[in-house]
Amino acid sequence: MDTENYLNHPTFGLLFRVCLVEENRELFSTLYAQRLFFVVFQGADGLEFEPIGRTDAKVLVENRMRMLRRSGMYKEYDQLQKVHQNTFQ
């Protein structure tokens, strides 16, 4: 989480990486409005974008935060907590 990652969505333009959800699945949001969220994963035909709602995106981030805290990954947890506050509050 030390570097910023971006993807170009074919319809919605530039997306930024919010966090890793699980292996090979990441949560991205539209760069400026932070209103549209996508779970992005590598599929058979390349990157696949699964649109999800803001509430579901928030739950994914909170679940990731719990996992980081339980695993003792406090630096990553602190970074994700800041992202959570900036994105959802």
PDB file of N, CA and C in Angstrom:
ATOM      1  N   MET A   1       0.810  -1.194   0.000  1.00  0.00           N
ATOM      2  CA  MET A   1       0.000   0.000   0.000  1.00  0.00           C
ATOM      3  C   MET A   1       0.854   1.258   0.000  1.00  0.00           C
ATOM      4  N   ASP A   2       2.134   1.106  -0.193  1.00  0.00           N
ATOM      5  CA  ASP A   2       3.013   2.253  -0.173  1.00  0.00           C
ATOM      6  C   ASP A   2       2.954   3.055  -1.462  1.00  0.00           C
ATOM      7  N   THR A   3       2.528   2.419  -2.557  1.00  0.00           N
ATOM      8  CA  THR A   3       2.484   3.117  -3.825  1.00  0.00           C
ATOM      9  C   THR A   3       1.037   3.237  -4.282  1.00  0.00           C
ATOM     10  N   GLU A   4       0.798   4.243  -5.075  1.00  0.00           N
ATOM     11  CA  GLU A   4      -0.533   4.432  -5.626  1.00  0.00           C
ATOM     12  C   GLU A   4      -0.628   3.640  -6.918  1.00  0.00           C
ATOM     13  N   ASN A   5      -1.738   2.969  -7.104  1.00  0.00           N
ATOM     14  CA  ASN A   5      -1.966   2.175  -8.310  1.00  0.00           C
ATOM     15  C   ASN A   5      -3.215   2.674  -9.007  1.00  0.00           C
ATOM     16  N   TYR A   6      -3.141   2.756 -10.321  1.00  0.00           N
ATOM     17  CA  TYR A   6      -4.257   3.235 -11.117  1.00  0.00           C
ATOM     18  C   TYR A   6      -4.538   2.253 -12.250  1.00  0.00           C
ATOM     19  N   LEU A   7      -5.785   2.218 -12.671  1.00  0.00           N
ATOM     20  CA  LEU A   7      -6.221   1.447 -13.832  1.00  0.00           C
ATOM     21  C   LEU A   7      -7.101   2.332 -14.691  1.00  0.00           C
ATOM     22  N   ASN A   8      -7.136   2.046 -15.963  1.00  0.00           N
ATOM     23  CA  ASN A   8      -8.026   2.767 -16.851  1.00  0.00           C
ATOM     24  C   ASN A   8      -9.226   1.881 -17.168  1.00  0.00           C
ATOM     25  N   HIS A   9     -10.398   2.286 -16.703  1.00  0.00           N
ATOM     26  CA  HIS A   9     -11.639   1.557 -16.975  1.00  0.00           C
ATOM     27  C   HIS A   9     -12.130   1.983 -18.354  1.00  0.00           C
ATOM     28  N   PRO A  10     -12.624   1.046 -19.164  1.00  0.00           N
ATOM     29  CA  PRO A  10     -13.036   1.399 -20.530  1.00  0.00           C
ATOM     30  C   PRO A  10     -14.160   2.430 -20.601  1.00  0.00           C
ATOM     31  N   THR A  11     -15.009   2.514 -19.582  1.00  0.00           N
ATOM     32  CA  THR A  11     -16.124   3.465 -19.598  1.00  0.00           C
ATOM     33  C   THR A  11     -15.915   4.628 -18.636  1.00  0.00           C
ATOM     34  N   PHE A  12     -15.438   4.343 -17.444  1.00  0.00           N
ATOM     35  CA  PHE A  12     -15.396   5.345 -16.380  1.00  0.00           C
ATOM     36  C   PHE A  12     -14.044   6.026 -16.220  1.00  0.00           C
ATOM     37  N   GLY A  13     -13.084   5.691 -17.046  1.00  0.00           N
ATOM     38  CA  GLY A  13     -11.796   6.371 -17.015  1.00  0.00           C
ATOM     39  C   GLY A  13     -10.891   5.883 -15.904  1.00  0.00           C
ATOM     40  N   LEU A  14     -10.116   6.799 -15.370  1.00  0.00           N
ATOM     41  CA  LEU A  14      -9.072   6.456 -14.413  1.00  0.00           C
ATOM     42  C   LEU A  14      -9.656   6.052 -13.060  1.00  0.00           C
ATOM     43  N   LEU A  15      -9.220   4.891 -12.576  1.00  0.00           N
ATOM     44  CA  LEU A  15      -9.605   4.377 -11.264  1.00  0.00           C
ATOM     45  C   LEU A  15      -8.362   4.291 -10.395  1.00  0.00           C
ATOM     46  N   PHE A  16      -8.526   4.507  -9.087  1.00  0.00           N
ATOM     47  CA  PHE A  16      -7.396   4.337  -8.183  1.00  0.00           C
ATOM     48  C   PHE A  16      -7.666   3.164  -7.262  1.00  0.00           C
ATOM     49  N   ARG A  17      -6.588   2.520  -6.843  1.00  0.00           N
ATOM     50  CA  ARG A  17      -6.680   1.346  -5.982  1.00  0.00           C
ATOM     51  C   ARG A  17      -6.957   1.772  -4.552  1.00  0.00           C
ATOM     52  N   VAL A  18      -8.035   1.272  -3.983  1.00  0.00           N
ATOM     53  CA  VAL A  18      -8.362   1.526  -2.585  1.00  0.00           C
ATOM     54  C   VAL A  18      -7.608   0.533  -1.712  1.00  0.00           C
ATOM     55  N   CYS A  19      -7.738  -0.765  -2.027  1.00  0.00           N
ATOM     56  CA  CYS A  19      -7.021  -1.776  -1.250  1.00  0.00           C
ATOM     57  C   CYS A  19      -7.115  -3.136  -1.916  1.00  0.00           C
ATOM     58  N   LEU A  20      -6.284  -4.033  -1.450  1.00  0.00           N
ATOM     59  CA  LEU A  20      -6.364  -5.435  -1.801  1.00  0.00           C
ATOM     60  C   LEU A  20      -7.529  -6.015  -1.019  1.00  0.00           C
ATOM     61  N   VAL A  21      -8.387  -6.773  -1.688  1.00  0.00           N
ATOM     62  CA  VAL A  21      -9.527  -7.394  -1.014  1.00  0.00           C
ATOM     63  C   VAL A  21      -9.134  -8.795  -0.568  1.00  0.00           C
ATOM     64  N   GLU A  22      -8.597  -9.531  -1.478  1.00  0.00           N
ATOM     65  CA  GLU A  22      -8.050 -10.858  -1.222  1.00  0.00           C
ATOM     66  C   GLU A  22      -7.116 -11.133  -2.387  1.00  0.00           C
ATOM     67  N   GLU A  23      -6.441 -12.259  -2.348  1.00  0.00           N
ATOM     68  CA  GLU A  23      -5.480 -12.537  -3.401  1.00  0.00           C
ATOM     69  C   GLU A  23      -6.126 -12.446  -4.779  1.00  0.00           C
ATOM     70  N   ASN A  24      -5.502 -11.668  -5.642  1.00  0.00           N
ATOM     71  CA  ASN A  24      -5.947 -11.456  -7.026  1.00  0.00           C
ATOM     72  C   ASN A  24      -7.247 -10.671  -7.153  1.00  0.00           C
ATOM     73  N   ARG A  25      -7.705 -10.041  -6.083  1.00  0.00           N
ATOM     74  CA  ARG A  25      -8.898  -9.186  -6.134  1.00  0.00           C
ATOM     75  C   ARG A  25      -8.587  -7.890  -5.412  1.00  0.00           C
ATOM     76  N   GLU A  26      -8.814  -6.776  -6.092  1.00  0.00           N
ATOM     77  CA  GLU A  26      -8.543  -5.468  -5.514  1.00  0.00           C
ATOM     78  C   GLU A  26      -9.761  -4.571  -5.676  1.00  0.00           C
ATOM     79  N   LEU A  27      -9.906  -3.648  -4.744  1.00  0.00           N
ATOM     80  CA  LEU A  27     -10.988  -2.679  -4.792  1.00  0.00           C
ATOM     81  C   LEU A  27     -10.460  -1.383  -5.384  1.00  0.00           C
ATOM     82  N   PHE A  28     -11.150  -0.898  -6.412  1.00  0.00           N
ATOM     83  CA  PHE A  28     -10.806   0.366  -7.053  1.00  0.00           C
ATOM     84  C   PHE A  28     -12.011   1.290  -7.010  1.00  0.00           C
ATOM     85  N   SER A  29     -11.754   2.590  -7.106  1.00  0.00           N
ATOM     86  CA  SER A  29     -12.815   3.592  -7.149  1.00  0.00           C
ATOM     87  C   SER A  29     -12.496   4.612  -8.226  1.00  0.00           C
ATOM     88  N   THR A  30     -13.543   5.297  -8.688  1.00  0.00           N
ATOM     89  CA  THR A  30     -13.309   6.375  -9.642  1.00  0.00           C
ATOM     90  C   THR A  30     -12.432   7.429  -8.976  1.00  0.00           C
ATOM     91  N   LEU A  31     -11.556   8.011  -9.734  1.00  0.00           N
ATOM     92  CA  LEU A  31     -10.529   8.884  -9.187  1.00  0.00           C
ATOM     93  C   LEU A  31     -11.087  10.132  -8.517  1.00  0.00           C
ATOM     94  N   TYR A  32     -11.998  10.819  -9.148  1.00  0.00           N
ATOM     95  CA  TYR A  32     -12.406  12.117  -8.622  1.00  0.00           C
ATOM     96  C   TYR A  32     -13.621  12.062  -7.705  1.00  0.00           C
ATOM     97  N   ALA A  33     -14.649  11.367  -8.100  1.00  0.00           N
ATOM     98  CA  ALA A  33     -15.877  11.399  -7.314  1.00  0.00           C
ATOM     99  C   ALA A  33     -15.879  10.396  -6.166  1.00  0.00           C
ATOM    100  N   GLN A  34     -15.130   9.308  -6.300  1.00  0.00           N
ATOM    101  CA  GLN A  34     -15.123   8.227  -5.317  1.00  0.00           C
ATOM    102  C   GLN A  34     -16.546   7.770  -5.005  1.00  0.00           C
ATOM    103  N   ARG A  35     -17.355   7.669  -6.052  1.00  0.00           N
ATOM    104  CA  ARG A  35     -18.739   7.237  -5.904  1.00  0.00           C
ATOM    105  C   ARG A  35     -18.963   5.853  -6.490  1.00  0.00           C
ATOM    106  N   LEU A  36     -18.171   5.504  -7.493  1.00  0.00           N
ATOM    107  CA  LEU A  36     -18.312   4.210  -8.146  1.00  0.00           C
ATOM    108  C   LEU A  36     -17.155   3.321  -7.714  1.00  0.00           C
ATOM    109  N   PHE A  37     -17.476   2.085  -7.356  1.00  0.00           N
ATOM    110  CA  PHE A  37     -16.459   1.149  -6.884  1.00  0.00           C
ATOM    111  C   PHE A  37     -16.503  -0.113  -7.731  1.00  0.00           C
ATOM    112  N   PHE A  38     -15.337  -0.713  -7.894  1.00  0.00           N
ATOM    113  CA  PHE A  38     -15.203  -1.930  -8.683  1.00  0.00           C
ATOM    114  C   PHE A  38     -14.254  -2.887  -7.981  1.00  0.00           C
ATOM    115  N   VAL A  39     -14.633  -4.162  -7.950  1.00  0.00           N
ATOM    116  CA  VAL A  39     -13.695  -5.204  -7.572  1.00  0.00           C
ATOM    117  C   VAL A  39     -13.067  -5.646  -8.890  1.00  0.00           C
ATOM    118  N   VAL A  40     -11.740  -5.587  -8.951  1.00  0.00           N
ATOM    119  CA  VAL A  40     -11.018  -5.903 -10.180  1.00  0.00           C
ATOM    120  C   VAL A  40     -10.213  -7.172  -9.949  1.00  0.00           C
ATOM    121  N   PHE A  41     -10.314  -8.090 -10.891  1.00  0.00           N
ATOM    122  CA  PHE A  41      -9.542  -9.325 -10.799  1.00  0.00           C
ATOM    123  C   PHE A  41      -9.134  -9.778 -12.184  1.00  0.00           C
ATOM    124  N   GLN A  42      -8.105 -10.596 -12.217  1.00  0.00           N
ATOM    125  CA  GLN A  42      -7.595 -11.127 -13.474  1.00  0.00           C
ATOM    126  C   GLN A  42      -8.457 -12.307 -13.898  1.00  0.00           C
ATOM    127  N   GLY A  43      -9.160 -12.154 -14.981  1.00  0.00           N
ATOM    128  CA  GLY A  43      -9.996 -13.226 -15.510  1.00  0.00           C
ATOM    129  C   GLY A  43      -9.339 -13.871 -16.721  1.00  0.00           C
ATOM    130  N   ALA A  44     -10.050 -14.790 -17.327  1.00  0.00           N
ATOM    131  CA  ALA A  44      -9.528 -15.495 -18.498  1.00  0.00           C
ATOM    132  C   ALA A  44      -9.271 -14.549 -19.669  1.00  0.00           C
ATOM    133  N   ASP A  45     -10.059 -13.507 -19.783  1.00  0.00           N
ATOM    134  CA  ASP A  45      -9.935 -12.557 -20.889  1.00  0.00           C
ATOM    135  C   ASP A  45      -9.235 -11.265 -20.474  1.00  0.00           C
ATOM    136  N   GLY A  46      -8.465 -11.286 -19.399  1.00  0.00           N
ATOM    137  CA  GLY A  46      -7.790 -10.084 -18.915  1.00  0.00           C
ATOM    138  C   GLY A  46      -8.463  -9.576 -17.652  1.00  0.00           C
ATOM    139  N   LEU A  47      -8.343  -8.273 -17.406  1.00  0.00           N
ATOM    140  CA  LEU A  47      -8.936  -7.693 -16.206  1.00  0.00           C
ATOM    141  C   LEU A  47     -10.456  -7.704 -16.307  1.00  0.00           C
ATOM    142  N   GLU A  48     -11.087  -8.056 -15.205  1.00  0.00           N
ATOM    143  CA  GLU A  48     -12.540  -8.027 -15.137  1.00  0.00           C
ATOM    144  C   GLU A  48     -12.951  -7.054 -14.037  1.00  0.00           C
ATOM    145  N   PHE A  49     -13.939  -6.220 -14.342  1.00  0.00           N
ATOM    146  CA  PHE A  49     -14.420  -5.189 -13.433  1.00  0.00           C
ATOM    147  C   PHE A  49     -15.810  -5.583 -12.950  1.00  0.00           C
ATOM    148  N   GLU A  50     -15.946  -5.768 -11.648  1.00  0.00           N
ATOM    149  CA  GLU A  50     -17.248  -6.081 -11.057  1.00  0.00           C
ATOM    150  C   GLU A  50     -17.717  -4.846 -10.284  1.00  0.00           C
ATOM    151  N   PRO A  51     -18.730  -4.137 -10.785  1.00  0.00           N
ATOM    152  CA  PRO A  51     -19.200  -2.946 -10.061  1.00  0.00           C
ATOM    153  C   PRO A  51     -19.894  -3.347  -8.759  1.00  0.00           C
ATOM    154  N   ILE A  52     -19.626  -2.599  -7.700  1.00  0.00           N
ATOM    155  CA  ILE A  52     -20.293  -2.824  -6.420  1.00  0.00           C
ATOM    156  C   ILE A  52     -20.710  -1.479  -5.848  1.00  0.00           C
ATOM    157  N   GLY A  53     -21.641  -1.501  -4.944  1.00  0.00           N
ATOM    158  CA  GLY A  53     -22.129  -0.278  -4.318  1.00  0.00           C
ATOM    159  C   GLY A  53     -21.180   0.240  -3.251  1.00  0.00           C
ATOM    160  N   ARG A  54     -21.408   1.460  -2.857  1.00  0.00           N
ATOM    161  CA  ARG A  54     -20.580   2.119  -1.847  1.00  0.00           C
ATOM    162  C   ARG A  54     -20.614   1.356  -0.515  1.00  0.00           C
ATOM    163  N   THR A  55     -21.784   0.898  -0.107  1.00  0.00           N
ATOM    164  CA  THR A  55     -21.911   0.166   1.151  1.00  0.00           C
ATOM    165  C   THR A  55     -21.127  -1.138   1.106  1.00  0.00           C
ATOM    166  N   ASP A  56     -21.235  -1.858  -0.006  1.00  0.00           N
ATOM    167  CA  ASP A  56     -20.480  -3.107  -0.147  1.00  0.00           C
ATOM    168  C   ASP A  56     -18.978  -2.849  -0.171  1.00  0.00           C
ATOM    169  N   ALA A  57     -18.574  -1.767  -0.815  1.00  0.00           N
ATOM    170  CA  ALA A  57     -17.154  -1.416  -0.845  1.00  0.00           C
ATOM    171  C   ALA A  57     -16.656  -1.113   0.564  1.00  0.00           C
ATOM    172  N   LYS A  58     -17.444  -0.397   1.320  1.00  0.00           N
ATOM    173  CA  LYS A  58     -17.066  -0.068   2.703  1.00  0.00           C
ATOM    174  C   LYS A  58     -16.901  -1.347   3.531  1.00  0.00           C
ATOM    175  N   VAL A  59     -17.814  -2.296   3.352  1.00  0.00           N
ATOM    176  CA  VAL A  59     -17.730  -3.570   4.075  1.00  0.00           C
ATOM    177  C   VAL A  59     -16.450  -4.319   3.690  1.00  0.00           C
ATOM    178  N   LEU A  60     -16.101  -4.326   2.408  1.00  0.00           N
ATOM    179  CA  LEU A  60     -14.872  -4.992   1.977  1.00  0.00           C
ATOM    180  C   LEU A  60     -13.641  -4.380   2.644  1.00  0.00           C
ATOM    181  N   VAL A  61     -13.603  -3.047   2.698  1.00  0.00           N
ATOM    182  CA  VAL A  61     -12.465  -2.365   3.327  1.00  0.00           C
ATOM    183  C   VAL A  61     -12.430  -2.673   4.819  1.00  0.00           C
ATOM    184  N   GLU A  62     -13.573  -2.637   5.471  1.00  0.00           N
ATOM    185  CA  GLU A  62     -13.616  -2.930   6.909  1.00  0.00           C
ATOM    186  C   GLU A  62     -13.207  -4.373   7.199  1.00  0.00           C
ATOM    187  N   ASN A  63     -13.614  -5.303   6.343  1.00  0.00           N
ATOM    188  CA  ASN A  63     -13.188  -6.697   6.510  1.00  0.00           C
ATOM    189  C   ASN A  63     -11.681  -6.828   6.349  1.00  0.00           C
ATOM    190  N   ARG A  64     -11.127  -6.129   5.378  1.00  0.00           N
ATOM    191  CA  ARG A  64      -9.674  -6.147   5.171  1.00  0.00           C
ATOM    192  C   ARG A  64      -8.960  -5.554   6.384  1.00  0.00           C
ATOM    193  N   MET A  65      -9.502  -4.486   6.950  1.00  0.00           N
ATOM    194  CA  MET A  65      -8.899  -3.870   8.138  1.00  0.00           C
ATOM    195  C   MET A  65      -8.885  -4.858   9.303  1.00  0.00           C
ATOM    196  N   ARG A  66      -9.989  -5.588   9.492  1.00  0.00           N
ATOM    197  CA  ARG A  66     -10.045  -6.599  10.563  1.00  0.00           C
ATOM    198  C   ARG A  66      -8.991  -7.676  10.362  1.00  0.00           C
ATOM    199  N   MET A  67      -8.846  -8.121   9.120  1.00  0.00           N
ATOM    200  CA  MET A  67      -7.865  -9.155   8.825  1.00  0.00           C
ATOM    201  C   MET A  67      -6.443  -8.658   9.112  1.00  0.00           C
ATOM    202  N   LEU A  68      -6.152  -7.428   8.728  1.00  0.00           N
ATOM    203  CA  LEU A  68      -4.826  -6.864   8.978  1.00  0.00           C
ATOM    204  C   LEU A  68      -4.557  -6.733  10.470  1.00  0.00           C
ATOM    205  N   ARG A  69      -5.547  -6.282  11.214  1.00  0.00           N
ATOM    206  CA  ARG A  69      -5.389  -6.122  12.659  1.00  0.00           C
ATOM    207  C   ARG A  69      -5.159  -7.473  13.329  1.00  0.00           C
ATOM    208  N   ARG A  70      -5.954  -8.467  12.947  1.00  0.00           N
ATOM    209  CA  ARG A  70      -5.799  -9.815  13.523  1.00  0.00           C
ATOM    210  C   ARG A  70      -4.443 -10.427  13.188  1.00  0.00           C
ATOM    211  N   SER A  71      -3.915 -10.093  12.012  1.00  0.00           N
ATOM    212  CA  SER A  71      -2.635 -10.648  11.571  1.00  0.00           C
ATOM    213  C   SER A  71      -1.449  -9.889  12.149  1.00  0.00           C
ATOM    214  N   GLY A  72      -1.722  -8.797  12.877  1.00  0.00           N
ATOM    215  CA  GLY A  72      -0.635  -8.003  13.449  1.00  0.00           C
ATOM    216  C   GLY A  72       0.071  -7.121  12.440  1.00  0.00           C
ATOM    217  N   MET A  73      -0.568  -6.847  11.318  1.00  0.00           N
ATOM    218  CA  MET A  73       0.021  -6.001  10.271  1.00  0.00           C
ATOM    219  C   MET A  73      -0.422  -4.559  10.517  1.00  0.00           C
ATOM    220  N   TYR A  74       0.137  -3.969  11.569  1.00  0.00           N
ATOM    221  CA  TYR A  74      -0.351  -2.685  12.056  1.00  0.00           C
ATOM    222  C   TYR A  74      -0.019  -1.518  11.132  1.00  0.00           C
ATOM    223  N   LYS A  75       1.109  -1.550  10.459  1.00  0.00           N
ATOM    224  CA  LYS A  75       1.442  -0.471   9.530  1.00  0.00           C
ATOM    225  C   LYS A  75       0.424  -0.430   8.391  1.00  0.00           C
ATOM    226  N   GLU A  76       0.136  -1.596   7.806  1.00  0.00           N
ATOM    227  CA  GLU A  76      -0.845  -1.681   6.729  1.00  0.00           C
ATOM    228  C   GLU A  76      -2.241  -1.306   7.229  1.00  0.00           C
ATOM    229  N   TYR A  77      -2.552  -1.733   8.457  1.00  0.00           N
ATOM    230  CA  TYR A  77      -3.838  -1.392   9.059  1.00  0.00           C
ATOM    231  C   TYR A  77      -3.989   0.124   9.192  1.00  0.00           C
ATOM    232  N   ASP A  78      -2.966   0.782   9.721  1.00  0.00           N
ATOM    233  CA  ASP A  78      -3.018   2.245   9.886  1.00  0.00           C
ATOM    234  C   ASP A  78      -3.196   2.951   8.553  1.00  0.00           C
ATOM    235  N   GLN A  79      -2.492   2.474   7.526  1.00  0.00           N
ATOM    236  CA  GLN A  79      -2.617   3.084   6.200  1.00  0.00           C
ATOM    237  C   GLN A  79      -4.028   2.903   5.649  1.00  0.00           C
ATOM    238  N   LEU A  80      -4.562   1.701   5.806  1.00  0.00           N
ATOM    239  CA  LEU A  80      -5.906   1.430   5.288  1.00  0.00           C
ATOM    240  C   LEU A  80      -6.970   2.181   6.088  1.00  0.00           C
ATOM    241  N   GLN A  81      -6.730   2.362   7.368  1.00  0.00           N
ATOM    242  CA  GLN A  81      -7.676   3.132   8.187  1.00  0.00           C
ATOM    243  C   GLN A  81      -7.771   4.573   7.685  1.00  0.00           C
ATOM    244  N   LYS A  82      -6.648   5.156   7.274  1.00  0.00           N
ATOM    245  CA  LYS A  82      -6.659   6.519   6.710  1.00  0.00           C
ATOM    246  C   LYS A  82      -7.426   6.553   5.402  1.00  0.00           C
ATOM    247  N   VAL A  83      -7.207   5.532   4.568  1.00  0.00           N
ATOM    248  CA  VAL A  83      -7.933   5.446   3.301  1.00  0.00           C
ATOM    249  C   VAL A  83      -9.437   5.323   3.577  1.00  0.00           C
ATOM    250  N   HIS A  84      -9.795   4.503   4.547  1.00  0.00           N
ATOM    251  CA  HIS A  84     -11.196   4.320   4.920  1.00  0.00           C
ATOM    252  C   HIS A  84     -11.822   5.638   5.339  1.00  0.00           C
ATOM    253  N   GLN A  85     -11.131   6.384   6.190  1.00  0.00           N
ATOM    254  CA  GLN A  85     -11.662   7.669   6.663  1.00  0.00           C
ATOM    255  C   GLN A  85     -11.820   8.650   5.514  1.00  0.00           C
ATOM    256  N   ASN A  86     -10.844   8.706   4.619  1.00  0.00           N
ATOM    257  CA  ASN A  86     -10.904   9.644   3.487  1.00  0.00           C
ATOM    258  C   ASN A  86     -11.973   9.262   2.488  1.00  0.00           C
ATOM    259  N   THR A  87     -12.226   7.984   2.335  1.00  0.00           N
ATOM    260  CA  THR A  87     -13.144   7.517   1.304  1.00  0.00           C
ATOM    261  C   THR A  87     -14.588   7.442   1.777  1.00  0.00           C
ATOM    262  N   PHE A  88     -14.807   7.033   3.005  1.00  0.00           N
ATOM    263  CA  PHE A  88     -16.170   6.722   3.452  1.00  0.00           C
ATOM    264  C   PHE A  88     -16.725   7.652   4.528  1.00  0.00           C
ATOM    265  N   GLN A  89     -15.949   8.611   5.007  1.00  0.00           N
ATOM    266  CA  GLN A  89     -16.474   9.489   6.049  1.00  0.00           C
ATOM    267  C   GLN A  89     -16.419  10.932   5.651  1.00  0.00           C
TER     268      GLN A  89
END
